[in-house]
Amino acid sequence: MTIEASDYVDEVMRRWPATIRAFLEQRMHCVGCPIGCFHTVEEACREHGVELPVFLAALRALAAEPCRESCGCAS
């Protein structure tokens, strides 16, 4: 499954915990935000002034990285 602009922020971070790094690096306040389960990646980018195509590429790259056994993600 590929991360899409229409995916909810909270779902992305829960399914691929490594993507949290991308949110933090962009200073997006999505980690732990109660609105994360209602905001899509596209909406979060718009709210924080982050370029969607660049951010999606970063999320997808992080999600594709091999996980450590203790990570608990779906990969």
PDB file of N, CA and C in Angstrom:
ATOM      1  N   MET A   1       0.833  -1.183   0.000  1.00  0.00           N
ATOM      2  CA  MET A   1       0.000   0.000   0.000  1.00  0.00           C
ATOM      3  C   MET A   1       0.883   1.255   0.000  1.00  0.00           C
ATOM      4  N   THR A   2       0.556   2.193  -0.834  1.00  0.00           N
ATOM      5  CA  THR A   2       1.292   3.439  -0.953  1.00  0.00           C
ATOM      6  C   THR A   2       0.586   4.532  -0.168  1.00  0.00           C
ATOM      7  N   ILE A   3       1.337   5.402   0.421  1.00  0.00           N
ATOM      8  CA  ILE A   3       0.759   6.535   1.135  1.00  0.00           C
ATOM      9  C   ILE A   3       0.252   7.539   0.110  1.00  0.00           C
ATOM     10  N   GLU A   4      -0.985   7.958   0.276  1.00  0.00           N
ATOM     11  CA  GLU A   4      -1.621   8.906  -0.638  1.00  0.00           C
ATOM     12  C   GLU A   4      -1.963  10.202   0.097  1.00  0.00           C
ATOM     13  N   ALA A   5      -2.180  11.262  -0.661  1.00  0.00           N
ATOM     14  CA  ALA A   5      -2.536  12.566  -0.100  1.00  0.00           C
ATOM     15  C   ALA A   5      -3.848  12.499   0.665  1.00  0.00           C
ATOM     16  N   SER A   6      -4.708  11.576   0.299  1.00  0.00           N
ATOM     17  CA  SER A   6      -6.024  11.455   0.930  1.00  0.00           C
ATOM     18  C   SER A   6      -6.014  10.601   2.198  1.00  0.00           C
ATOM     19  N   ASP A   7      -4.854  10.030   2.553  1.00  0.00           N
ATOM     20  CA  ASP A   7      -4.759   9.228   3.779  1.00  0.00           C
ATOM     21  C   ASP A   7      -4.758  10.132   4.998  1.00  0.00           C
ATOM     22  N   TYR A   8      -5.351   9.643   6.066  1.00  0.00           N
ATOM     23  CA  TYR A   8      -5.389  10.415   7.303  1.00  0.00           C
ATOM     24  C   TYR A   8      -4.035  10.366   7.999  1.00  0.00           C
ATOM     25  N   VAL A   9      -3.636  11.521   8.525  1.00  0.00           N
ATOM     26  CA  VAL A   9      -2.333  11.681   9.164  1.00  0.00           C
ATOM     27  C   VAL A   9      -2.116  10.638  10.262  1.00  0.00           C
ATOM     28  N   ASP A  10      -3.083  10.486  11.135  1.00  0.00           N
ATOM     29  CA  ASP A  10      -2.957   9.550  12.245  1.00  0.00           C
ATOM     30  C   ASP A  10      -2.771   8.118  11.748  1.00  0.00           C
ATOM     31  N   GLU A  11      -3.505   7.760  10.708  1.00  0.00           N
ATOM     32  CA  GLU A  11      -3.402   6.417  10.132  1.00  0.00           C
ATOM     33  C   GLU A  11      -1.997   6.166   9.569  1.00  0.00           C
ATOM     34  N   VAL A  12      -1.451   7.181   8.895  1.00  0.00           N
ATOM     35  CA  VAL A  12      -0.105   7.055   8.314  1.00  0.00           C
ATOM     36  C   VAL A  12       0.920   6.828   9.416  1.00  0.00           C
ATOM     37  N   MET A  13       0.853   7.644  10.476  1.00  0.00           N
ATOM     38  CA  MET A  13       1.838   7.523  11.549  1.00  0.00           C
ATOM     39  C   MET A  13       1.696   6.211  12.320  1.00  0.00           C
ATOM     40  N   ARG A  14       0.480   5.718  12.457  1.00  0.00           N
ATOM     41  CA  ARG A  14       0.275   4.447  13.162  1.00  0.00           C
ATOM     42  C   ARG A  14       0.736   3.255  12.318  1.00  0.00           C
ATOM     43  N   ARG A  15       0.448   3.297  11.043  1.00  0.00           N
ATOM     44  CA  ARG A  15       0.813   2.164  10.177  1.00  0.00           C
ATOM     45  C   ARG A  15       2.307   2.125   9.876  1.00  0.00           C
ATOM     46  N   TRP A  16       2.907   3.309   9.705  1.00  0.00           N
ATOM     47  CA  TRP A  16       4.336   3.422   9.401  1.00  0.00           C
ATOM     48  C   TRP A  16       4.972   4.379  10.405  1.00  0.00           C
ATOM     49  N   PRO A  17       5.317   3.928  11.593  1.00  0.00           N
ATOM     50  CA  PRO A  17       5.872   4.809  12.629  1.00  0.00           C
ATOM     51  C   PRO A  17       7.111   5.592  12.190  1.00  0.00           C
ATOM     52  N   ALA A  18       7.864   5.060  11.254  1.00  0.00           N
ATOM     53  CA  ALA A  18       9.056   5.775  10.776  1.00  0.00           C
ATOM     54  C   ALA A  18       8.694   7.110  10.127  1.00  0.00           C
ATOM     55  N   THR A  19       7.452   7.257   9.657  1.00  0.00           N
ATOM     56  CA  THR A  19       7.049   8.504   9.001  1.00  0.00           C
ATOM     57  C   THR A  19       6.924   9.670   9.983  1.00  0.00           C
ATOM     58  N   ILE A  20       6.851   9.372  11.250  1.00  0.00           N
ATOM     59  CA  ILE A  20       6.764  10.439  12.256  1.00  0.00           C
ATOM     60  C   ILE A  20       7.939  11.399  12.098  1.00  0.00           C
ATOM     61  N   ARG A  21       9.088  10.856  11.735  1.00  0.00           N
ATOM     62  CA  ARG A  21      10.279  11.690  11.539  1.00  0.00           C
ATOM     63  C   ARG A  21      10.044  12.786  10.505  1.00  0.00           C
ATOM     64  N   ALA A  22       9.335  12.471   9.416  1.00  0.00           N
ATOM     65  CA  ALA A  22       9.070  13.469   8.371  1.00  0.00           C
ATOM     66  C   ALA A  22       8.205  14.609   8.914  1.00  0.00           C
ATOM     67  N   PHE A  23       7.201  14.265   9.714  1.00  0.00           N
ATOM     68  CA  PHE A  23       6.346  15.301  10.304  1.00  0.00           C
ATOM     69  C   PHE A  23       7.158  16.203  11.223  1.00  0.00           C
ATOM     70  N   LEU A  24       8.012  15.603  12.043  1.00  0.00           N
ATOM     71  CA  LEU A  24       8.824  16.380  12.972  1.00  0.00           C
ATOM     72  C   LEU A  24       9.849  17.251  12.242  1.00  0.00           C
ATOM     73  N   GLU A  25      10.472  16.700  11.209  1.00  0.00           N
ATOM     74  CA  GLU A  25      11.474  17.466  10.456  1.00  0.00           C
ATOM     75  C   GLU A  25      10.867  18.694   9.782  1.00  0.00           C
ATOM     76  N   GLN A  26       9.596  18.617   9.414  1.00  0.00           N
ATOM     77  CA  GLN A  26       8.918  19.752   8.784  1.00  0.00           C
ATOM     78  C   GLN A  26       8.255  20.674   9.812  1.00  0.00           C
ATOM     79  N   ARG A  27       8.478  20.365  11.084  1.00  0.00           N
ATOM     80  CA  ARG A  27       7.882  21.127  12.181  1.00  0.00           C
ATOM     81  C   ARG A  27       6.359  21.161  12.104  1.00  0.00           C
ATOM     82  N   MET A  28       5.821  20.044  11.645  1.00  0.00           N
ATOM     83  CA  MET A  28       4.367  19.891  11.595  1.00  0.00           C
ATOM     84  C   MET A  28       3.925  19.378  12.962  1.00  0.00           C
ATOM     85  N   HIS A  29       2.912  19.969  13.505  1.00  0.00           N
ATOM     86  CA  HIS A  29       2.464  19.644  14.856  1.00  0.00           C
ATOM     87  C   HIS A  29       1.426  18.529  14.851  1.00  0.00           C
ATOM     88  N   CYS A  30       1.607  17.563  13.978  1.00  0.00           N
ATOM     89  CA  CYS A  30       0.628  16.488  13.793  1.00  0.00           C
ATOM     90  C   CYS A  30       0.810  15.345  14.783  1.00  0.00           C
ATOM     91  N   VAL A  31       2.007  15.154  15.283  1.00  0.00           N
ATOM     92  CA  VAL A  31       2.281  14.054  16.192  1.00  0.00           C
ATOM     93  C   VAL A  31       1.550  14.319  17.510  1.00  0.00           C
ATOM     94  N   GLY A  32       0.610  13.439  17.819  1.00  0.00           N
ATOM     95  CA  GLY A  32      -0.160  13.589  19.045  1.00  0.00           C
ATOM     96  C   GLY A  32      -1.331  14.546  18.948  1.00  0.00           C
ATOM     97  N   CYS A  33      -1.532  15.142  17.798  1.00  0.00           N
ATOM     98  CA  CYS A  33      -2.628  16.101  17.613  1.00  0.00           C
ATOM     99  C   CYS A  33      -3.964  15.359  17.550  1.00  0.00           C
ATOM    100  N   PRO A  34      -4.965  15.819  18.297  1.00  0.00           N
ATOM    101  CA  PRO A  34      -6.259  15.140  18.259  1.00  0.00           C
ATOM    102  C   PRO A  34      -6.981  15.287  16.920  1.00  0.00           C
ATOM    103  N   ILE A  35      -6.546  16.186  16.067  1.00  0.00           N
ATOM    104  CA  ILE A  35      -7.168  16.386  14.753  1.00  0.00           C
ATOM    105  C   ILE A  35      -6.574  15.435  13.708  1.00  0.00           C
ATOM    106  N   GLY A  36      -5.465  14.767  14.046  1.00  0.00           N
ATOM    107  CA  GLY A  36      -4.782  13.876  13.109  1.00  0.00           C
ATOM    108  C   GLY A  36      -5.656  12.784  12.514  1.00  0.00           C
ATOM    109  N   CYS A  37      -6.671  12.368  13.253  1.00  0.00           N
ATOM    110  CA  CYS A  37      -7.542  11.318  12.723  1.00  0.00           C
ATOM    111  C   CYS A  37      -8.597  11.884  11.772  1.00  0.00           C
ATOM    112  N   PHE A  38      -8.657  13.210  11.651  1.00  0.00           N
ATOM    113  CA  PHE A  38      -9.611  13.866  10.745  1.00  0.00           C
ATOM    114  C   PHE A  38      -8.922  14.574   9.576  1.00  0.00           C
ATOM    115  N   HIS A  39      -7.625  14.883   9.716  1.00  0.00           N
ATOM    116  CA  HIS A  39      -6.876  15.595   8.677  1.00  0.00           C
ATOM    117  C   HIS A  39      -6.192  14.621   7.738  1.00  0.00           C
ATOM    118  N   THR A  40      -6.293  14.887   6.463  1.00  0.00           N
ATOM    119  CA  THR A  40      -5.541  14.106   5.488  1.00  0.00           C
ATOM    120  C   THR A  40      -4.131  14.679   5.393  1.00  0.00           C
ATOM    121  N   VAL A  41      -3.254  13.935   4.765  1.00  0.00           N
ATOM    122  CA  VAL A  41      -1.889  14.413   4.541  1.00  0.00           C
ATOM    123  C   VAL A  41      -1.934  15.709   3.738  1.00  0.00           C
ATOM    124  N   GLU A  42      -2.797  15.761   2.747  1.00  0.00           N
ATOM    125  CA  GLU A  42      -2.926  16.966   1.924  1.00  0.00           C
ATOM    126  C   GLU A  42      -3.349  18.174   2.762  1.00  0.00           C
ATOM    127  N   GLU A  43      -4.335  17.995   3.620  1.00  0.00           N
ATOM    128  CA  GLU A  43      -4.791  19.099   4.470  1.00  0.00           C
ATOM    129  C   GLU A  43      -3.706  19.549   5.441  1.00  0.00           C
ATOM    130  N   ALA A  44      -2.972  18.600   6.002  1.00  0.00           N
ATOM    131  CA  ALA A  44      -1.892  18.935   6.930  1.00  0.00           C
ATOM    132  C   ALA A  44      -0.798  19.736   6.220  1.00  0.00           C
ATOM    133  N   CYS A  45      -0.467  19.336   5.004  1.00  0.00           N
ATOM    134  CA  CYS A  45       0.542  20.075   4.237  1.00  0.00           C
ATOM    135  C   CYS A  45       0.073  21.503   3.963  1.00  0.00           C
ATOM    136  N   ARG A  46      -1.167  21.635   3.579  1.00  0.00           N
ATOM    137  CA  ARG A  46      -1.718  22.962   3.308  1.00  0.00           C
ATOM    138  C   ARG A  46      -1.690  23.831   4.575  1.00  0.00           C
ATOM    139  N   GLU A  47      -2.085  23.264   5.703  1.00  0.00           N
ATOM    140  CA  GLU A  47      -2.115  23.992   6.973  1.00  0.00           C
ATOM    141  C   GLU A  47      -0.730  24.455   7.413  1.00  0.00           C
ATOM    142  N   HIS A  48       0.282  23.636   7.124  1.00  0.00           N
ATOM    143  CA  HIS A  48       1.638  23.925   7.588  1.00  0.00           C
ATOM    144  C   HIS A  48       2.541  24.513   6.507  1.00  0.00           C
ATOM    145  N   GLY A  49       1.998  24.758   5.318  1.00  0.00           N
ATOM    146  CA  GLY A  49       2.787  25.351   4.246  1.00  0.00           C
ATOM    147  C   GLY A  49       3.886  24.449   3.713  1.00  0.00           C
ATOM    148  N   VAL A  50       3.617  23.153   3.673  1.00  0.00           N
ATOM    149  CA  VAL A  50       4.597  22.174   3.205  1.00  0.00           C
ATOM    150  C   VAL A  50       4.179  21.702   1.811  1.00  0.00           C
ATOM    151  N   GLU A  51       5.152  21.579   0.906  1.00  0.00           N
ATOM    152  CA  GLU A  51       4.859  21.130  -0.453  1.00  0.00           C
ATOM    153  C   GLU A  51       4.432  19.665  -0.451  1.00  0.00           C
ATOM    154  N   LEU A  52       3.226  19.414  -0.913  1.00  0.00           N
ATOM    155  CA  LEU A  52       2.652  18.066  -0.873  1.00  0.00           C
ATOM    156  C   LEU A  52       3.484  17.030  -1.626  1.00  0.00           C
ATOM    157  N   PRO A  53       3.881  17.261  -2.882  1.00  0.00           N
ATOM    158  CA  PRO A  53       4.631  16.208  -3.593  1.00  0.00           C
ATOM    159  C   PRO A  53       5.953  15.840  -2.910  1.00  0.00           C
ATOM    160  N   VAL A  54       6.636  16.836  -2.389  1.00  0.00           N
ATOM    161  CA  VAL A  54       7.912  16.604  -1.710  1.00  0.00           C
ATOM    162  C   VAL A  54       7.679  15.823  -0.416  1.00  0.00           C
ATOM    163  N   PHE A  55       6.647  16.225   0.322  1.00  0.00           N
ATOM    164  CA  PHE A  55       6.356  15.564   1.590  1.00  0.00           C
ATOM    165  C   PHE A  55       5.886  14.127   1.367  1.00  0.00           C
ATOM    166  N   LEU A  56       5.041  13.905   0.375  1.00  0.00           N
ATOM    167  CA  LEU A  56       4.606  12.543   0.065  1.00  0.00           C
ATOM    168  C   LEU A  56       5.795  11.653  -0.292  1.00  0.00           C
ATOM    169  N   ALA A  57       6.733  12.184  -1.051  1.00  0.00           N
ATOM    170  CA  ALA A  57       7.922  11.409  -1.410  1.00  0.00           C
ATOM    171  C   ALA A  57       8.715  11.032  -0.158  1.00  0.00           C
ATOM    172  N   ALA A  58       8.826  11.966   0.785  1.00  0.00           N
ATOM    173  CA  ALA A  58       9.544  11.688   2.032  1.00  0.00           C
ATOM    174  C   ALA A  58       8.815  10.625   2.846  1.00  0.00           C
ATOM    175  N   LEU A  59       7.494  10.735   2.945  1.00  0.00           N
ATOM    176  CA  LEU A  59       6.713   9.742   3.687  1.00  0.00           C
ATOM    177  C   LEU A  59       6.874   8.358   3.068  1.00  0.00           C
ATOM    178  N   ARG A  60       6.765   8.300   1.757  1.00  0.00           N
ATOM    179  CA  ARG A  60       6.862   7.008   1.064  1.00  0.00           C
ATOM    180  C   ARG A  60       8.244   6.383   1.225  1.00  0.00           C
ATOM    181  N   ALA A  61       9.279   7.210   1.182  1.00  0.00           N
ATOM    182  CA  ALA A  61      10.644   6.697   1.358  1.00  0.00           C
ATOM    183  C   ALA A  61      10.827   6.134   2.766  1.00  0.00           C
ATOM    184  N   LEU A  62      10.329   6.851   3.762  1.00  0.00           N
ATOM    185  CA  LEU A  62      10.450   6.368   5.140  1.00  0.00           C
ATOM    186  C   LEU A  62       9.634   5.109   5.360  1.00  0.00           C
ATOM    187  N   ALA A  63       8.459   5.040   4.772  1.00  0.00           N
ATOM    188  CA  ALA A  63       7.599   3.863   4.925  1.00  0.00           C
ATOM    189  C   ALA A  63       8.219   2.636   4.260  1.00  0.00           C
ATOM    190  N   ALA A  64       9.031   2.842   3.242  1.00  0.00           N
ATOM    191  CA  ALA A  64       9.638   1.733   2.510  1.00  0.00           C
ATOM    192  C   ALA A  64      10.909   1.206   3.165  1.00  0.00           C
ATOM    193  N   GLU A  65      11.448   1.965   4.134  1.00  0.00           N
ATOM    194  CA  GLU A  65      12.671   1.516   4.800  1.00  0.00           C
ATOM    195  C   GLU A  65      12.401   0.250   5.603  1.00  0.00           C
ATOM    196  N   PRO A  66      13.381  -0.643   5.646  1.00  0.00           N
ATOM    197  CA  PRO A  66      13.213  -1.854   6.469  1.00  0.00           C
ATOM    198  C   PRO A  66      13.034  -1.464   7.944  1.00  0.00           C
ATOM    199  N   CYS A  67      12.179  -2.186   8.605  1.00  0.00           N
ATOM    200  CA  CYS A  67      11.876  -1.903  10.019  1.00  0.00           C
ATOM    201  C   CYS A  67      12.729  -2.743  10.949  1.00  0.00           C
ATOM    202  N   ARG A  68      12.868  -2.222  12.147  1.00  0.00           N
ATOM    203  CA  ARG A  68      13.446  -3.021  13.213  1.00  0.00           C
ATOM    204  C   ARG A  68      12.323  -3.921  13.737  1.00  0.00           C
ATOM    205  N   GLU A  69      12.660  -5.052  14.264  1.00  0.00           N
ATOM    206  CA  GLU A  69      11.646  -5.991  14.753  1.00  0.00           C
ATOM    207  C   GLU A  69      10.746  -5.363  15.812  1.00  0.00           C
ATOM    208  N   SER A  70      11.282  -4.470  16.626  1.00  0.00           N
ATOM    209  CA  SER A  70      10.522  -3.903  17.727  1.00  0.00           C
ATOM    210  C   SER A  70       9.609  -2.756  17.298  1.00  0.00           C
ATOM    211  N   CYS A  71       9.657  -2.380  16.043  1.00  0.00           N
ATOM    212  CA  CYS A  71       8.895  -1.207  15.583  1.00  0.00           C
ATOM    213  C   CYS A  71       7.384  -1.402  15.674  1.00  0.00           C
ATOM    214  N   GLY A  72       6.889  -2.593  15.361  1.00  0.00           N
ATOM    215  CA  GLY A  72       5.466  -2.876  15.487  1.00  0.00           C
ATOM    216  C   GLY A  72       4.610  -2.434  14.313  1.00  0.00           C
ATOM    217  N   CYS A  73       5.223  -1.981  13.232  1.00  0.00           N
ATOM    218  CA  CYS A  73       4.425  -1.547  12.084  1.00  0.00           C
ATOM    219  C   CYS A  73       4.032  -2.753  11.224  1.00  0.00           C
ATOM    220  N   ALA A  74       3.245  -2.466  10.212  1.00  0.00           N
ATOM    221  CA  ALA A  74       2.705  -3.531   9.365  1.00  0.00           C
ATOM    222  C   ALA A  74       3.708  -4.065   8.344  1.00  0.00           C
ATOM    223  N   SER A  75       4.851  -3.420   8.162  1.00  0.00           N
ATOM    224  CA  SER A  75       5.808  -3.865   7.129  1.00  0.00           C
ATOM    225  C   SER A  75       6.499  -5.150   7.498  1.00  0.00           C
TER     226      SER A  75
END
